[in-house]
């Protein structure tokens, strides 16, 4: 397999009783493949013929990466082992790869999960405001109630983490941010999706155990999700996640009111308002929410969703989203805690890049207001690029600039290795330099890291470095600010200041960055 798969696993590879078949999805760390069970079923285990195999590289990487990844894996595994609920995606078993001959796979953790048809994110990307939306929301709310009754908080409820099964039923998935309540609170890692994060958590303090979170955070996320499913829009204004985050803060301060879409059905208006109350204490409780959602949807619990899917014929293969093309569904995402999705590569497409005859509904269109979607930026990196730029408060450090630099530095090659220059990975990091920018808290790494450097480490580190460079350039330098920052990345801010612009040695590099910066900037944006 070629392309930016975090954990490349060849077709036919065996782990336990499973044989790897087609790739389903990949993200910055983990990759998901369809698996086919080999041999006879083990007595009493009820293993299916096919499953989703989620490979997580817990045997390789830097100590910091491994510590973070192990924590996320442990959270997910612990919840799956302790909770068996019909609205939660099922985990059948966990395996560890023992294969010293393949260093990239040796020691990897493999979660064997229930295989879904499509994620809610992909469904909404292919068909906004789907038929059966109220019944779907009732099932999602039922899953949330099952979690909360058991004393757990999901921590990252969003469309990508809702899976739709072959029979039309819904499951909650991706529990690597989930946490068990300790009284009124739980503690989760300091990561979240801004559009689904309540205002009180957007700038909350992060302690040694992570961020304190209440079940009301999931209720807020459900309100956002319900508004999106029923109207096709977010409940807070803004064309970007950053703008909507600022709108949430203004709303929480009382300086702005909540203006729900006029397309939101009356039966749901007060439900969404109850979820999106300004403070956690004012939000509707989960049990009350479930009763009201079921009444508004006109369903009882465990209602099926027959109108979400339609068969094309007895021999047509997988189920298709009603009203969507087969090409669209061929690459839709499955929410197994992986952020970027790909097709099966049957036509030679690079994994993680939407093929020309299909649409990657969750990754390829991410951040379209900030970054062109039709200029060949691999879908695998859009979320990292956009969110990395948003983490910097310097307007010149934009998603198009980061994408342009990655294009020029490596042509988006995550496996780049240039020992002669001592530069590696998608951002061409020199290990001793990366050490200073790899940690989110601004502290240098304890040791010089060794390649390979995955995009999930390289791209945010690039953003942190660019954000540090920006204010150190002379404000009176002529030329495009982003291009000057890129030149300083390649040499240093001192050399750019001393040359009163791009040094002659780096003008060809700067010209290429300028070309792609223009290429990747959406029309109407400077």
Protein backbone atom coordinates (compact mmCIF):
# COMPACT_ATOMS: atom_id res chain seq x y z
CA UNK A 1 0.00 0.00 0.00
CA UNK A 2 1.18 3.51 -0.79
CA UNK A 3 0.03 6.89 0.42
CA UNK A 4 -0.27 8.60 3.80
CA UNK A 5 -1.60 5.74 5.87
CA UNK A 6 -0.51 6.11 9.49
CA UNK A 7 -0.21 2.34 9.87
CA UNK A 8 0.29 0.67 6.47
CA UNK A 9 -0.89 -2.94 6.61
CA UNK A 10 -0.70 -5.10 3.47
CA UNK A 11 -3.77 -6.86 2.19
CA UNK A 12 -3.78 -10.46 3.39
CA UNK A 13 -1.84 -9.70 6.58
CA UNK A 14 -2.91 -11.95 9.49
CA UNK A 15 -3.35 -10.89 13.09
CA UNK A 16 -4.99 -13.36 15.44
CA UNK A 17 -7.86 -14.99 13.60
CA UNK A 18 -8.26 -12.02 11.25
CA UNK A 19 -7.05 -11.34 7.75
CA UNK A 20 -6.72 -7.74 6.58
CA UNK A 21 -8.78 -6.90 3.52
CA UNK A 22 -9.62 -3.42 2.16
CA UNK A 23 -8.52 -0.19 3.88
CA UNK A 24 -11.37 1.82 5.36
CA UNK A 25 -9.85 4.88 7.00
CA UNK A 26 -6.73 6.52 8.31
CA UNK A 27 -5.84 9.33 10.63
CA UNK A 28 -2.73 10.90 12.07
CA UNK A 29 -1.93 7.88 14.24
CA UNK A 30 -4.25 4.95 13.58
CA UNK A 31 -5.62 3.21 10.52
CA UNK A 32 -8.74 1.07 10.07
CA UNK A 33 -9.11 -1.90 7.73
CA UNK A 34 -11.84 -4.34 6.94
CA UNK A 35 -10.96 -7.70 8.48
CA UNK A 36 -12.21 -11.16 7.55
CA UNK A 37 -12.24 -13.90 10.16
CA UNK A 38 -10.33 -17.02 9.22
CA UNK A 39 -11.00 -20.49 10.52
CA UNK A 40 -13.93 -21.64 12.60
CA UNK A 41 -15.67 -19.42 15.18
CA UNK A 42 -14.41 -19.87 18.70
CA UNK A 43 -16.98 -21.43 21.00
CA UNK A 44 -19.15 -18.92 22.83
CA UNK A 45 -17.50 -15.82 21.38
CA UNK A 46 -19.94 -15.07 18.58
CA UNK A 47 -17.37 -13.38 16.35
CA UNK A 48 -18.74 -12.06 13.05
CA UNK A 49 -17.36 -12.98 9.66
CA UNK A 50 -16.17 -9.42 9.03
CA UNK A 51 -15.12 -6.61 11.38
CA UNK A 52 -13.26 -3.30 11.45
CA UNK A 53 -9.63 -3.69 12.52
CA UNK A 54 -8.27 -0.51 14.10
CA UNK A 55 -4.44 -0.58 14.12
CA UNK A 56 -2.74 1.76 16.62
CA UNK A 57 1.09 1.92 16.56
CA UNK A 58 1.68 1.42 20.27
CA UNK A 59 5.02 -0.30 19.61
CA UNK A 60 6.71 2.57 17.74
CA UNK A 61 7.08 6.33 18.00
CA UNK A 62 8.58 8.80 20.41
CA UNK A 63 8.05 8.31 24.16
CA UNK A 64 5.70 11.31 24.19
CA UNK A 65 3.63 9.93 21.33
CA UNK A 66 3.45 6.49 22.88
CA UNK A 67 2.37 7.83 26.26
CA UNK A 68 -0.42 9.88 24.68
CA UNK A 69 -1.54 7.08 22.37
CA UNK A 70 -1.51 4.48 25.13
CA UNK A 71 -3.72 6.69 27.30
CA UNK A 72 -6.27 7.04 24.49
CA UNK A 73 -6.22 3.30 23.76
CA UNK A 74 -6.65 2.45 27.44
CA UNK A 75 -9.67 4.75 27.73
CA UNK A 76 -11.36 3.18 24.75
CA UNK A 77 -10.60 -0.40 25.74
CA UNK A 78 -11.71 0.14 29.33
CA UNK A 79 -15.09 1.52 28.28
CA UNK A 80 -15.67 -1.28 25.78
CA UNK A 81 -14.79 -3.94 28.35
CA UNK A 82 -17.11 -2.54 30.99
CA UNK A 83 -20.07 -1.34 28.94
CA UNK A 84 -22.12 -3.49 26.57
CA UNK A 85 -24.99 -1.36 25.35
CA UNK A 86 -27.02 -1.63 22.13
CA UNK A 87 -26.36 1.98 21.14
CA UNK A 88 -22.56 1.76 21.57
CA UNK A 89 -20.33 0.31 18.87
CA UNK A 90 -19.17 -3.14 19.99
CA UNK A 91 -15.58 -4.22 20.52
CA UNK A 92 -15.06 -7.97 20.07
CA UNK A 93 -11.46 -8.29 21.22
CA UNK A 94 -8.06 -6.60 21.40
CA UNK A 95 -4.89 -8.03 19.87
CA UNK A 96 -1.21 -7.15 19.91
CA UNK A 97 0.92 -7.58 16.79
CA UNK A 98 4.01 -9.72 17.39
CA UNK A 99 6.06 -9.31 14.23
CA UNK A 100 9.71 -8.22 14.71
CA UNK A 101 10.20 -8.54 10.96
CA UNK A 102 7.89 -5.54 10.48
CA UNK A 103 9.15 -2.80 12.83
CA UNK A 104 6.36 -0.45 11.83
CA UNK A 105 3.71 -2.97 12.93
CA UNK A 106 5.45 -4.83 15.75
CA UNK A 107 3.79 -4.04 19.07
CA UNK A 108 0.75 -2.36 17.50
CA UNK A 109 -2.57 -2.66 19.32
CA UNK A 110 -5.47 -3.88 17.20
CA UNK A 111 -9.05 -3.23 18.26
CA UNK A 112 -11.52 -5.60 16.58
CA UNK A 113 -14.70 -3.54 16.26
CA UNK A 114 -18.18 -3.89 14.87
CA UNK A 115 -18.17 -2.86 11.21
CA UNK A 116 -20.55 -0.08 10.21
CA UNK A 117 -21.87 1.08 6.86
CA UNK A 118 -21.29 4.82 7.15
CA UNK A 119 -20.77 7.63 9.65
CA UNK A 120 -23.26 10.39 10.28
CA UNK A 121 -20.61 12.88 9.08
CA UNK A 122 -20.45 11.14 5.72
CA UNK A 123 -24.23 10.91 5.50
CA UNK A 124 -24.58 14.64 6.14
CA UNK A 125 -21.83 15.39 3.64
CA UNK A 126 -23.63 13.41 0.97
CA UNK A 127 -27.17 14.37 1.94
CA UNK A 128 -27.76 17.26 4.36
CA UNK A 129 -30.99 17.13 6.40
CA UNK A 130 -31.50 13.39 5.75
CA UNK A 131 -34.86 11.67 5.87
CA UNK A 132 -35.39 10.03 9.22
CA UNK A 133 -33.34 12.69 11.02
CA UNK A 134 -35.59 12.87 14.13
CA UNK A 135 -35.56 9.08 14.56
CA UNK A 136 -31.79 9.08 14.12
CA UNK A 137 -31.44 11.73 16.83
CA UNK A 138 -33.60 9.63 19.16
CA UNK A 139 -31.16 6.74 18.80
CA UNK A 140 -28.13 8.99 19.35
CA UNK A 141 -29.77 10.41 22.48
CA UNK A 142 -30.54 6.90 23.69
CA UNK A 143 -26.86 5.99 23.34
CA UNK A 144 -25.88 9.11 25.26
CA UNK A 145 -28.31 8.20 28.04
CA UNK A 146 -26.84 4.69 28.18
CA UNK A 147 -23.37 6.16 28.68
CA UNK A 148 -24.44 8.66 31.32
CA UNK A 149 -26.47 6.10 33.28
CA UNK A 150 -23.36 3.93 33.44
CA UNK A 151 -21.37 6.85 34.84
CA UNK A 152 -19.38 7.79 31.73
CA UNK A 153 -18.99 10.95 29.65
CA UNK A 154 -18.30 10.62 25.91
CA UNK A 155 -16.25 13.81 25.64
CA UNK A 156 -16.24 14.06 21.83
CA UNK A 157 -19.78 13.62 20.51
CA UNK A 158 -19.97 14.77 16.87
CA UNK A 159 -21.21 13.39 13.53
CA UNK A 160 -17.95 11.56 12.77
CA UNK A 161 -18.40 9.56 15.98
CA UNK A 162 -21.92 8.34 15.20
CA UNK A 163 -22.01 5.19 13.06
CA UNK A 164 -24.94 3.85 11.07
CA UNK A 165 -25.23 0.11 10.73
CA UNK A 166 -26.44 -2.04 7.87
CA UNK A 167 -29.92 -2.35 9.38
CA UNK A 168 -30.24 1.43 9.74
CA UNK A 169 -29.61 1.57 13.47
CA UNK A 170 -27.20 4.06 15.04
CA UNK A 171 -24.22 3.54 17.35
CA UNK A 172 -21.99 5.90 19.29
CA UNK A 173 -18.29 5.30 18.63
CA UNK A 174 -14.78 6.62 19.33
CA UNK A 175 -14.38 6.44 23.09
CA UNK A 176 -10.73 7.48 23.39
CA UNK A 177 -11.85 10.76 25.02
CA UNK A 178 -14.43 9.05 27.24
CA UNK A 179 -14.01 9.12 30.98
CA UNK A 180 -15.71 7.68 34.04
CA UNK A 181 -17.39 10.13 36.37
CA UNK A 182 -15.90 10.78 39.79
CA UNK A 183 -18.87 12.38 41.49
CA UNK A 184 -20.02 15.21 39.26
CA UNK A 185 -16.95 15.36 37.02
CA UNK A 186 -14.70 13.27 34.86
CA UNK A 187 -11.24 14.07 33.49
CA UNK A 188 -10.48 13.95 29.77
CA UNK A 189 -7.46 14.84 27.62
CA UNK A 190 -7.19 18.46 26.56
CA UNK A 191 -8.48 17.81 23.07
CA UNK A 192 -11.89 18.51 21.61
CA UNK A 193 -13.73 19.60 18.48
CA UNK A 194 -14.50 23.32 18.95
CA UNK A 195 -17.89 23.28 17.19
CA UNK A 196 -19.20 20.71 19.72
CA UNK A 197 -17.46 22.02 22.86
CA UNK A 198 -19.51 24.05 25.37
CA UNK A 199 -18.26 27.58 26.06
CA UNK A 200 -17.13 26.85 29.61
CA UNK A 201 -14.60 24.30 28.30
CA UNK A 202 -13.14 26.31 25.42
CA UNK A 203 -10.67 28.09 27.68
CA UNK A 204 -10.86 25.95 30.80
CA UNK A 205 -7.78 25.21 32.88
CA UNK A 206 -5.97 21.96 32.20
CA UNK A 207 -4.79 20.15 35.30
CA UNK A 208 -2.42 17.21 35.75
CA UNK A 209 -5.26 14.79 35.02
CA UNK A 210 -6.59 16.70 32.03
CA UNK A 211 -9.69 18.83 31.73
CA UNK A 212 -12.67 18.51 34.07
CA UNK A 213 -15.84 17.72 32.18
CA UNK A 214 -19.49 17.10 33.12
CA UNK A 215 -22.21 15.12 31.30
CA UNK A 216 -23.69 18.51 30.37
CA UNK A 217 -20.84 18.87 27.86
CA UNK A 218 -22.29 15.93 25.92
CA UNK A 219 -25.74 17.53 26.15
CA UNK A 220 -24.38 20.72 24.56
CA UNK A 221 -22.77 18.64 21.79
CA UNK A 222 -26.07 16.86 21.17
CA UNK A 223 -27.83 20.21 20.77
CA UNK A 224 -25.30 21.31 18.14
CA UNK A 225 -25.58 17.97 16.37
CA UNK A 226 -29.41 18.04 16.39
CA UNK A 227 -29.47 21.53 14.90
CA UNK A 228 -27.04 20.41 12.17
CA UNK A 229 -29.05 17.26 11.32
CA UNK A 230 -32.39 19.08 11.19
CA UNK A 231 -31.36 22.33 9.47
CA UNK A 232 -28.05 21.67 7.74
CA UNK A 233 -26.39 24.49 9.68
CA UNK A 234 -24.64 25.14 12.99
CA UNK A 235 -26.64 26.94 15.70
CA UNK A 236 -23.95 29.60 16.26
CA UNK A 237 -23.00 31.99 13.46
CA UNK A 238 -19.69 32.03 11.64
CA UNK A 239 -18.08 30.67 8.51
CA UNK A 240 -15.21 28.96 10.30
CA UNK A 241 -14.78 26.98 13.55
CA UNK A 242 -12.83 29.91 14.98
CA UNK A 243 -15.65 32.35 14.22
CA UNK A 244 -18.23 29.99 15.72
CA UNK A 245 -16.03 29.52 18.80
CA UNK A 246 -15.93 33.30 19.27
CA UNK A 247 -19.72 33.42 18.82
CA UNK A 248 -20.10 30.76 21.53
CA UNK A 249 -17.97 32.85 23.88
CA UNK A 250 -20.05 35.97 23.19
CA UNK A 251 -23.23 34.00 23.78
CA UNK A 252 -21.90 32.58 27.06
CA UNK A 253 -20.96 36.09 28.27
CA UNK A 254 -24.50 37.29 27.56
CA UNK A 255 -23.38 39.79 24.92
CA UNK A 256 -25.22 37.92 22.18
CA UNK A 257 -28.39 35.87 21.96
CA UNK A 258 -28.94 32.39 20.58
CA UNK A 259 -30.55 32.69 17.15
CA UNK A 260 -31.66 29.26 16.00
CA UNK A 261 -32.41 28.59 12.35
CA UNK A 262 -36.03 29.32 11.31
CA UNK A 263 -35.89 25.93 9.57
CA UNK A 264 -35.65 24.13 12.92
CA UNK A 265 -39.00 22.38 13.51
CA UNK A 266 -41.02 23.83 16.37
CA UNK A 267 -41.02 20.53 18.27
CA UNK A 268 -37.21 20.68 18.41
CA UNK A 269 -36.68 24.36 19.10
CA UNK A 270 -37.02 24.17 22.88
CA UNK A 271 -35.07 20.91 22.97
CA UNK A 272 -32.09 22.52 21.25
CA UNK A 273 -32.42 25.61 23.46
CA UNK A 274 -32.39 23.37 26.51
CA UNK A 275 -29.17 21.73 25.34
CA UNK A 276 -27.49 25.02 24.49
CA UNK A 277 -28.19 26.90 27.71
CA UNK A 278 -25.41 29.35 28.55
CA UNK A 279 -24.28 27.52 31.69
CA UNK A 280 -23.92 23.85 32.42
CA UNK A 281 -26.31 24.11 35.38
CA UNK A 282 -29.10 25.48 33.17
CA UNK A 283 -28.91 22.70 30.58
CA UNK A 284 -31.50 19.98 30.36
CA UNK A 285 -30.62 16.69 32.06
CA UNK A 286 -29.91 13.66 29.91
CA UNK A 287 -32.97 11.69 31.02
CA UNK A 288 -35.31 14.63 30.46
CA UNK A 289 -33.64 15.21 27.11
CA UNK A 290 -34.25 11.62 26.05
CA UNK A 291 -37.95 11.77 26.92
CA UNK A 292 -38.43 15.00 25.00
CA UNK A 293 -36.43 13.82 21.99
CA UNK A 294 -38.41 10.59 21.75
CA UNK A 295 -41.66 12.53 21.97
CA UNK A 296 -40.56 14.98 19.27
CA UNK A 297 -39.36 12.14 17.04
CA UNK A 298 -42.53 10.12 17.61
CA UNK A 299 -40.49 7.02 18.38
CA UNK A 300 -40.03 4.56 21.16
CA UNK A 301 -36.61 3.40 22.13
CA UNK A 302 -34.54 1.30 19.76
CA UNK A 303 -36.46 2.56 16.72
CA UNK A 304 -34.97 1.48 13.39
CA UNK A 305 -34.25 3.97 10.62
CA UNK A 306 -35.48 2.27 7.45
CA UNK A 307 -35.48 5.39 5.27
CA UNK A 308 -31.80 6.20 5.72
CA UNK A 309 -30.71 3.36 3.46
CA UNK A 310 -32.07 1.68 0.36
CA UNK A 311 -30.91 -1.45 -1.43
CA UNK A 312 -30.20 -1.27 -5.13
CA UNK A 313 -30.85 -4.95 -5.67
CA UNK A 314 -30.13 -8.38 -4.29
CA UNK A 315 -26.70 -8.55 -5.92
CA UNK A 316 -25.72 -4.89 -5.65
CA UNK A 317 -23.33 -5.22 -2.72
CA UNK A 318 -23.25 -2.64 0.10
CA UNK A 319 -26.19 -0.53 1.13
CA UNK A 320 -26.35 2.95 -0.30
CA UNK A 321 -27.50 6.19 1.21
CA UNK A 322 -30.90 6.98 -0.23
CA UNK A 323 -30.49 9.70 -2.83
CA UNK A 324 -26.67 9.60 -2.84
CA UNK A 325 -24.44 8.23 -5.57
CA UNK A 326 -22.47 5.03 -5.26
CA UNK A 327 -19.31 7.00 -5.94
CA UNK A 328 -19.94 9.17 -2.91
CA UNK A 329 -20.54 6.24 -0.59
CA UNK A 330 -17.46 4.41 -1.86
CA UNK A 331 -15.24 6.63 0.25
CA UNK A 332 -17.45 7.70 3.15
CA UNK A 333 -16.00 7.76 6.62
CA UNK A 334 -16.49 5.38 9.49
CA UNK A 335 -16.08 7.02 12.90
CA UNK A 336 -13.67 4.73 14.69
CA UNK A 337 -11.68 7.54 16.25
CA UNK A 338 -9.90 8.14 12.94
CA UNK A 339 -10.16 11.60 11.44
CA UNK A 340 -9.38 10.99 7.77
CA UNK A 341 -10.90 8.47 5.43
CA UNK A 342 -10.09 6.80 2.15
CA UNK A 343 -11.38 4.42 -0.49
CA UNK A 344 -10.12 0.91 -1.06
CA UNK A 345 -7.43 1.94 -3.52
CA UNK A 346 -8.80 -0.37 -6.17
CA UNK A 347 -8.30 2.25 -8.87
CA UNK A 348 -4.80 3.13 -7.80
CA UNK A 349 -5.78 6.24 -5.87
CA UNK A 350 -3.45 7.41 -3.16
CA UNK A 351 -4.85 6.45 0.22
CA UNK A 352 -6.29 9.43 2.01
CA UNK A 353 -6.76 11.44 -1.20
CA UNK A 354 -10.27 11.61 -2.59
CA UNK A 355 -10.24 9.99 -6.06
CA UNK A 356 -11.54 12.00 -8.99
CA UNK A 357 -14.73 9.96 -9.26
CA UNK A 358 -15.65 10.13 -5.60
CA UNK A 359 -16.12 12.46 -2.67
CA UNK A 360 -14.42 12.06 0.69
CA UNK A 361 -17.30 13.59 2.61
CA UNK A 362 -15.60 14.15 5.96
CA UNK A 363 -12.00 15.04 5.19
CA UNK A 364 -11.77 16.45 1.69
CA UNK A 365 -14.22 19.29 2.40
CA UNK A 366 -12.96 20.11 5.90
CA UNK A 367 -12.17 23.82 6.33
CA UNK A 368 -13.39 24.72 2.84
CA UNK A 369 -13.80 28.36 3.89
CA UNK A 370 -10.08 28.50 4.72
CA UNK A 371 -8.49 26.17 2.19
CA UNK A 372 -9.28 25.26 -1.42
CA UNK A 373 -10.71 21.76 -1.80
CA UNK A 374 -9.96 21.37 -5.50
CA UNK A 375 -6.22 21.88 -5.69
CA UNK A 376 -4.81 18.52 -4.66
CA UNK A 377 -4.24 19.04 -0.93
CA UNK A 378 -4.46 15.48 0.46
CA UNK A 379 -7.60 14.97 2.50
CA UNK A 380 -5.51 13.14 5.10
CA UNK A 381 -3.98 16.45 6.23
CA UNK A 382 -6.76 19.03 5.89
CA UNK A 383 -7.91 18.86 9.51
CA UNK A 384 -4.34 19.04 10.84
CA UNK A 385 -3.50 21.98 8.56
CA UNK A 386 -6.63 24.00 9.33
CA UNK A 387 -6.62 23.40 13.08
CA UNK A 388 -2.87 24.05 13.33
CA UNK A 389 -3.35 27.44 11.68
CA UNK A 390 -6.31 28.24 13.95
CA UNK A 391 -4.15 27.52 16.99
CA UNK A 392 -1.97 30.52 16.04
CA UNK A 393 -3.42 34.00 16.46
CA UNK A 394 -1.30 35.45 13.64
CA UNK A 395 -3.35 36.03 10.50
CA UNK A 396 -0.34 35.45 8.25
CA UNK A 397 0.02 31.90 9.61
CA UNK A 398 -2.94 30.68 7.61
CA UNK A 399 -4.09 27.24 6.41
CA UNK A 400 -3.06 28.08 2.80
CA UNK A 401 0.42 29.07 3.99
CA UNK A 402 0.93 25.84 5.91
CA UNK A 403 -0.41 23.79 3.01
CA UNK A 404 1.82 25.66 0.54
CA UNK A 405 4.88 25.07 2.67
CA UNK A 406 4.14 21.36 3.05
CA UNK A 407 3.73 21.12 -0.72
CA UNK A 408 7.10 22.82 -1.34
CA UNK A 409 8.93 21.09 1.50
CA UNK A 410 7.90 17.52 0.75
CA UNK A 411 5.07 17.37 -1.81
CA UNK A 412 2.97 16.14 1.17
CA UNK A 413 5.17 13.04 1.55
CA UNK A 414 4.87 11.84 5.18
CA UNK A 415 7.73 9.37 4.72
CA UNK A 416 10.28 11.80 3.28
CA UNK A 417 13.80 10.92 4.34
CA UNK A 418 16.79 13.07 3.36
CA UNK A 419 19.74 11.92 5.49
CA UNK A 420 22.19 14.13 3.57
CA UNK A 421 20.28 17.21 4.73
CA UNK A 422 19.26 15.56 8.02
CA UNK A 423 15.62 16.39 7.28
CA UNK A 424 12.64 14.06 7.62
CA UNK A 425 8.88 13.85 7.29
CA UNK A 426 6.22 15.99 5.70
CA UNK A 427 7.67 19.25 7.10
CA UNK A 428 11.34 18.26 6.56
CA UNK A 429 12.25 18.55 10.22
CA UNK A 430 15.83 18.36 11.43
CA UNK A 431 15.56 16.22 14.59
CA UNK A 432 17.50 18.61 16.83
CA UNK A 433 15.26 21.50 15.73
CA UNK A 434 12.02 19.55 16.02
CA UNK A 435 12.90 18.88 19.65
CA UNK A 436 12.13 22.52 20.45
CA UNK A 437 8.70 22.59 18.83
CA UNK A 438 7.22 19.12 19.33
CA UNK A 439 5.56 19.76 22.71
CA UNK A 440 2.24 21.59 22.92
CA UNK A 441 3.15 23.22 26.22
CA UNK A 442 6.14 25.00 24.66
CA UNK A 443 8.78 23.03 26.51
CA UNK A 444 11.51 21.28 24.51
CA UNK A 445 11.55 17.51 24.23
CA UNK A 446 13.71 15.71 26.74
CA UNK A 447 15.78 14.13 23.99
CA UNK A 448 16.37 14.62 20.28
CA UNK A 449 13.60 12.61 18.57
CA UNK A 450 14.41 9.97 15.99
CA UNK A 451 12.58 9.75 12.65
CA UNK A 452 10.11 8.85 11.30
CA UNK A 453 8.08 11.89 12.31
CA UNK A 454 4.35 11.42 11.66
CA UNK A 455 2.28 14.31 10.26
CA UNK A 456 0.38 14.58 13.56
CA UNK A 457 3.64 15.68 15.17
CA UNK A 458 5.29 17.46 12.23
CA UNK A 459 2.45 19.75 11.12
CA UNK A 460 1.49 21.20 14.56
CA UNK A 461 5.20 21.69 15.30
CA UNK A 462 5.52 23.62 12.04
CA UNK A 463 2.59 25.82 13.09
CA UNK A 464 4.10 26.53 16.50
CA UNK A 465 7.42 27.50 14.92
CA UNK A 466 5.78 29.75 12.31
CA UNK A 467 3.72 31.42 15.04
CA UNK A 468 6.94 32.10 16.96
CA UNK A 469 8.69 33.49 13.87
CA UNK A 470 5.89 35.86 12.80
CA UNK A 471 6.31 38.60 15.46
CA UNK A 472 10.11 38.47 15.19
CA UNK A 473 10.20 39.63 11.59
CA UNK A 474 10.67 43.35 11.01
CA UNK A 475 7.13 44.75 10.54
CA UNK A 476 8.36 47.07 7.77
CA UNK A 477 9.75 44.34 5.50
CA UNK A 478 8.34 44.53 1.97
CA UNK A 479 6.51 41.58 0.44
CA UNK A 480 3.88 39.05 1.42
CA UNK A 481 4.06 38.38 5.16
CA UNK A 482 3.34 34.68 4.80
CA UNK A 483 6.10 34.22 2.22
CA UNK A 484 8.56 36.01 4.49
CA UNK A 485 7.59 33.71 7.36
CA UNK A 486 8.13 30.69 5.09
CA UNK A 487 11.60 31.96 4.11
CA UNK A 488 12.44 32.36 7.79
CA UNK A 489 11.33 28.77 8.39
CA UNK A 490 13.81 27.65 5.74
CA UNK A 491 16.67 29.82 7.08
CA UNK A 492 16.02 32.07 10.14
CA UNK A 493 14.17 35.25 11.00
CA UNK A 494 17.53 37.02 11.60
CA UNK A 495 18.67 36.31 8.03
CA UNK A 496 15.39 37.53 6.58
CA UNK A 497 15.59 40.73 8.65
CA UNK A 498 19.24 41.28 7.71
CA UNK A 499 18.46 40.82 4.00
CA UNK A 500 15.46 43.17 4.30
CA UNK A 501 13.39 40.47 2.65
CA UNK A 502 13.88 36.99 1.25
CA UNK A 503 17.62 36.23 0.98
CA UNK A 504 18.72 35.56 -2.64
CA UNK A 505 19.54 31.93 -1.84
CA UNK A 506 15.91 31.27 -0.89
CA UNK A 507 14.05 33.25 -3.57
CA UNK A 508 13.24 30.19 -5.69
CA UNK A 509 11.82 28.50 -2.57
CA UNK A 510 9.84 31.62 -1.68
CA UNK A 511 8.47 31.93 -5.22
CA UNK A 512 7.16 28.35 -5.07
CA UNK A 513 5.53 28.99 -1.69
CA UNK A 514 3.95 32.17 -3.07
CA UNK A 515 2.57 30.23 -6.04
CA UNK A 516 0.91 27.57 -3.90
CA UNK A 517 -0.21 30.11 -1.30
CA UNK A 518 -2.23 31.80 -4.03
CA UNK A 519 -3.34 28.41 -5.40
CA UNK A 520 -4.68 27.17 -2.06
CA UNK A 521 -6.41 30.37 -0.91
CA UNK A 522 -10.19 30.28 -1.47
CA UNK A 523 -11.66 32.93 -3.79
CA UNK A 524 -12.52 36.13 -1.99
CA UNK A 525 -9.98 35.60 0.80
CA UNK A 526 -6.66 37.41 1.01
